[in-house]
Every structure is written in structure tokens, then in C-alpha cells.
Amino acid sequence: SGVAIDGIHYLTLCIKPVLYTMTTETSDEYFSGSDSIDLDAVLLGDAGGVKFERVTSFEKGIQELHVMSYTDIGEIQCLKLNAGGDDAWLFSSIEIAVNRPDPKKINKERTTSIKKNQQ
């Protein structure tokens, strides 16, 4: 609703931020961690996208939490990963949670490696 102050009408609309959580688990295999991957992760929804803070390294066998507060991007469609550094990373799983405790999980039957495209 609008409110008049000194003859001027105004309307305030607020969008509650949504909390997006990405939990990564690095494999415990030899050389699975990374010291210089410069990984960008973008979560894409049917109403927009949110980019997590760049991750520069991952430790072998460690689970890490990455959190971003943003406007609602709608129903999650995919997670885009782009490695910009000169190292590779072998992950066991990636979980995405949106303001709730029931995460959508990307989990391979085997570990999967991501590295920079060689052009």
C-alpha cells in the first residue's frame, strides 16, 4: 500500500533475500585438491542467476561451505562451473541448498574432475 507524506505518495516493495548454499566435497584421492583453480560457480534458475564468490583452492578430502544471499532466481535449472586457473580439481559431490535443509545434490557414481579448457 502507498502512504502520503506531505502530499507525496510512495510505495516500498521489499524482496526478501534468498540464502543459497553450495557445499563442495573434494575427493581424498591423490592430487585431488587444487592450489590455483580460480573456480567460478554460477547457479542458474528460471528467473535469473547467482554467482558464488570465486574459489581459488580446494583441500584434499575436505568439505567446504560457500554461501550467497541474493534475490530469488526461481526454480534451479543448473550449476555452471568454470575453472580459470592452471590447476585441476577432483570433487566427490556438490550440494546446493536454497533456504531449506533439503539440498539438491549433484553426486557422481565416481569422482569427477574439472579443469580449465585447453585452447
C-alpha atoms as a PDB file:
ATOM      1  CA  SER A   1       0.000   0.000   0.000  1.00  0.00           C
ATOM      2  CA  GLY A   2       1.026   3.611  -0.548  1.00  0.00           C
ATOM      3  CA  VAL A   3       1.307   6.273   2.126  1.00  0.00           C
ATOM      4  CA  ALA A   4       1.062  10.026   1.577  1.00  0.00           C
ATOM      5  CA  ILE A   5       3.648  12.214   3.287  1.00  0.00           C
ATOM      6  CA  ASP A   6       3.343  15.962   2.663  1.00  0.00           C
ATOM      7  CA  GLY A   7       1.211  15.240  -0.410  1.00  0.00           C
ATOM      8  CA  ILE A   8       3.787  12.840  -1.917  1.00  0.00           C
ATOM      9  CA  HIS A   9       2.808   9.215  -2.330  1.00  0.00           C
ATOM     10  CA  TYR A  10       5.377   6.468  -2.043  1.00  0.00           C
ATOM     11  CA  LEU A  11       5.349   2.716  -2.159  1.00  0.00           C
ATOM     12  CA  THR A  12       8.012   0.466  -0.685  1.00  0.00           C
ATOM     13  CA  LEU A  13       8.380  -3.046  -2.041  1.00  0.00           C
ATOM     14  CA  CYS A  14      10.944  -5.309  -0.445  1.00  0.00           C
ATOM     15  CA  ILE A  15      12.196  -8.605  -1.765  1.00  0.00           C
ATOM     16  CA  LYS A  16      13.348 -10.978   0.930  1.00  0.00           C
ATOM     17  CA  PRO A  17      16.833 -12.248   0.049  1.00  0.00           C
ATOM     18  CA  VAL A  18      17.229 -15.952  -0.524  1.00  0.00           C
ATOM     19  CA  LEU A  19      20.133 -17.842   1.019  1.00  0.00           C
ATOM     20  CA  TYR A  20      21.942 -20.131  -1.447  1.00  0.00           C
ATOM     21  CA  THR A  21      24.424 -22.650  -0.069  1.00  0.00           C
ATOM     22  CA  MET A  22      26.880 -24.703  -2.105  1.00  0.00           C
ATOM     23  CA  THR A  23      28.719 -27.457  -0.245  1.00  0.00           C
ATOM     24  CA  THR A  24      31.668 -28.974  -2.090  1.00  0.00           C
ATOM     25  CA  GLU A  25      33.440 -32.156  -1.112  1.00  0.00           C
ATOM     26  CA  THR A  26      36.886 -32.757  -2.556  1.00  0.00           C
ATOM     27  CA  SER A  27      37.917 -36.335  -3.243  1.00  0.00           C
ATOM     28  CA  ASP A  28      40.510 -37.915  -0.981  1.00  0.00           C
ATOM     29  CA  GLU A  29      42.388 -39.379  -3.954  1.00  0.00           C
ATOM     30  CA  TYR A  30      45.983 -38.405  -4.615  1.00  0.00           C
ATOM     31  CA  PHE A  31      46.295 -34.923  -6.241  1.00  0.00           C
ATOM     32  CA  SER A  32      42.536 -34.256  -5.944  1.00  0.00           C
ATOM     33  CA  GLY A  33      42.960 -30.844  -4.288  1.00  0.00           C
ATOM     34  CA  SER A  34      43.887 -27.633  -6.059  1.00  0.00           C
ATOM     35  CA  ASP A  35      46.133 -24.684  -5.235  1.00  0.00           C
ATOM     36  CA  SER A  36      45.192 -22.392  -8.137  1.00  0.00           C
ATOM     37  CA  ILE A  37      41.917 -23.345  -9.832  1.00  0.00           C
ATOM     38  CA  ASP A  38      40.130 -19.941  -9.739  1.00  0.00           C
ATOM     39  CA  LEU A  39      36.735 -21.655  -9.884  1.00  0.00           C
ATOM     40  CA  ASP A  40      33.642 -19.590 -10.677  1.00  0.00           C
ATOM     41  CA  ALA A  41      30.327 -21.220  -9.799  1.00  0.00           C
ATOM     42  CA  VAL A  42      27.074 -19.790 -11.162  1.00  0.00           C
ATOM     43  CA  LEU A  43      23.723 -21.182 -10.062  1.00  0.00           C
ATOM     44  CA  LEU A  44      21.137 -20.692 -12.812  1.00  0.00           C
ATOM     45  CA  GLY A  45      17.386 -20.601 -12.239  1.00  0.00           C
ATOM     46  CA  ASP A  46      14.357 -19.940 -14.411  1.00  0.00           C
ATOM     47  CA  ALA A  47      14.245 -16.326 -13.120  1.00  0.00           C
ATOM     48  CA  GLY A  48      17.938 -15.410 -13.101  1.00  0.00           C
ATOM     49  CA  GLY A  49      21.297 -16.488 -11.735  1.00  0.00           C
ATOM     50  CA  VAL A  50      23.613 -16.026  -8.778  1.00  0.00           C
ATOM     51  CA  LYS A  51      27.419 -16.173  -8.824  1.00  0.00           C
ATOM     52  CA  PHE A  52      29.225 -17.511  -5.775  1.00  0.00           C
ATOM     53  CA  GLU A  53      32.478 -15.926  -4.650  1.00  0.00           C
ATOM     54  CA  ARG A  54      35.449 -17.254  -6.649  1.00  0.00           C
ATOM     55  CA  VAL A  55      37.212 -20.222  -5.050  1.00  0.00           C
ATOM     56  CA  THR A  56      40.969 -20.323  -5.590  1.00  0.00           C
ATOM     57  CA  SER A  57      41.829 -23.614  -3.883  1.00  0.00           C
ATOM     58  CA  PHE A  58      40.371 -26.854  -2.534  1.00  0.00           C
ATOM     59  CA  GLU A  59      41.944 -29.178   0.026  1.00  0.00           C
ATOM     60  CA  LYS A  60      42.050 -32.958  -0.473  1.00  0.00           C
ATOM     61  CA  GLY A  61      39.274 -34.805   1.413  1.00  0.00           C
ATOM     62  CA  ILE A  62      37.700 -31.611   2.802  1.00  0.00           C
ATOM     63  CA  GLN A  63      34.075 -30.452   2.697  1.00  0.00           C
ATOM     64  CA  GLU A  64      33.669 -26.687   2.221  1.00  0.00           C
ATOM     65  CA  LEU A  65      30.637 -24.408   2.560  1.00  0.00           C
ATOM     66  CA  HIS A  66      30.050 -21.459   0.193  1.00  0.00           C
ATOM     67  CA  VAL A  67      27.120 -19.126   0.964  1.00  0.00           C
ATOM     68  CA  MET A  68      25.480 -16.341  -1.070  1.00  0.00           C
ATOM     69  CA  SER A  69      22.463 -14.176  -0.240  1.00  0.00           C
ATOM     70  CA  TYR A  70      20.615 -12.926  -3.325  1.00  0.00           C
ATOM     71  CA  THR A  71      17.175 -12.286  -4.780  1.00  0.00           C
ATOM     72  CA  ASP A  72      15.123 -15.335  -5.750  1.00  0.00           C
ATOM     73  CA  ILE A  73      16.357 -16.920  -9.001  1.00  0.00           C
ATOM     74  CA  GLY A  74      13.353 -19.251  -9.211  1.00  0.00           C
ATOM     75  CA  GLU A  75      13.490 -22.975  -9.808  1.00  0.00           C
ATOM     76  CA  ILE A  76      17.098 -24.176 -10.052  1.00  0.00           C
ATOM     77  CA  GLN A  77      17.993 -25.299 -13.566  1.00  0.00           C
ATOM     78  CA  CYS A  78      21.747 -25.979 -13.397  1.00  0.00           C
ATOM     79  CA  LEU A  79      25.092 -25.191 -11.826  1.00  0.00           C
ATOM     80  CA  LYS A  80      27.782 -23.846 -14.159  1.00  0.00           C
ATOM     81  CA  LEU A  81      31.420 -24.359 -13.129  1.00  0.00           C
ATOM     82  CA  ASN A  82      34.278 -22.552 -14.878  1.00  0.00           C
ATOM     83  CA  ALA A  83      37.928 -23.179 -13.965  1.00  0.00           C
ATOM     84  CA  GLY A  84      40.171 -20.245 -14.857  1.00  0.00           C
ATOM     85  CA  GLY A  85      43.407 -21.208 -13.138  1.00  0.00           C
ATOM     86  CA  ASP A  86      46.169 -23.567 -14.165  1.00  0.00           C
ATOM     87  CA  ASP A  87      45.219 -26.442 -11.844  1.00  0.00           C
ATOM     88  CA  ALA A  88      42.547 -29.170 -11.759  1.00  0.00           C
ATOM     89  CA  TRP A  89      40.131 -30.245  -9.004  1.00  0.00           C
ATOM     90  CA  LEU A  90      38.657 -33.682  -8.336  1.00  0.00           C
ATOM     91  CA  PHE A  91      35.367 -33.490  -6.417  1.00  0.00           C
ATOM     92  CA  SER A  92      33.219 -36.195  -4.853  1.00  0.00           C
ATOM     93  CA  SER A  93      30.000 -34.199  -4.575  1.00  0.00           C
ATOM     94  CA  ILE A  94      28.421 -30.761  -4.734  1.00  0.00           C
ATOM     95  CA  GLU A  95      25.250 -29.944  -2.794  1.00  0.00           C
ATOM     96  CA  ILE A  96      23.027 -26.939  -3.421  1.00  0.00           C
ATOM     97  CA  ALA A  97      20.564 -25.812  -0.751  1.00  0.00           C
ATOM     98  CA  VAL A  98      18.098 -22.926  -1.016  1.00  0.00           C
ATOM     99  CA  ASN A  99      16.788 -21.508   2.273  1.00  0.00           C
ATOM    100  CA  ARG A 100      15.955 -25.001   3.448  1.00  0.00           C
ATOM    101  CA  PRO A 101      17.624 -28.082   4.865  1.00  0.00           C
ATOM    102  CA  ASP A 102      16.788 -30.380   1.906  1.00  0.00           C
ATOM    103  CA  PRO A 103      19.659 -29.827  -0.546  1.00  0.00           C
ATOM    104  CA  LYS A 104      19.628 -30.714  -4.216  1.00  0.00           C
ATOM    105  CA  LYS A 105      22.703 -32.881  -4.602  1.00  0.00           C
ATOM    106  CA  ILE A 106      24.929 -33.462  -7.604  1.00  0.00           C
ATOM    107  CA  ASN A 107      26.714 -36.707  -6.905  1.00  0.00           C
ATOM    108  CA  LYS A 108      28.533 -38.849  -9.426  1.00  0.00           C
ATOM    109  CA  GLU A 109      28.913 -42.630  -9.156  1.00  0.00           C
ATOM    110  CA  ARG A 110      32.617 -41.881  -9.315  1.00  0.00           C
ATOM    111  CA  THR A 111      34.552 -38.712  -8.636  1.00  0.00           C
ATOM    112  CA  THR A 112      34.656 -36.113 -11.389  1.00  0.00           C
ATOM    113  CA  SER A 113      37.451 -33.754 -12.309  1.00  0.00           C
ATOM    114  CA  ILE A 114      37.046 -30.218 -13.625  1.00  0.00           C
ATOM    115  CA  LYS A 115      39.887 -28.235 -15.139  1.00  0.00           C
ATOM    116  CA  LYS A 116      40.446 -25.299 -17.434  1.00  0.00           C
ATOM    117  CA  ASN A 117      39.731 -25.854 -21.123  1.00  0.00           C
ATOM    118  CA  GLN A 118      42.920 -26.095 -23.132  1.00  0.00           C
ATOM    119  CA  GLN A 119      42.560 -23.811 -26.152  1.00  0.00           C
END
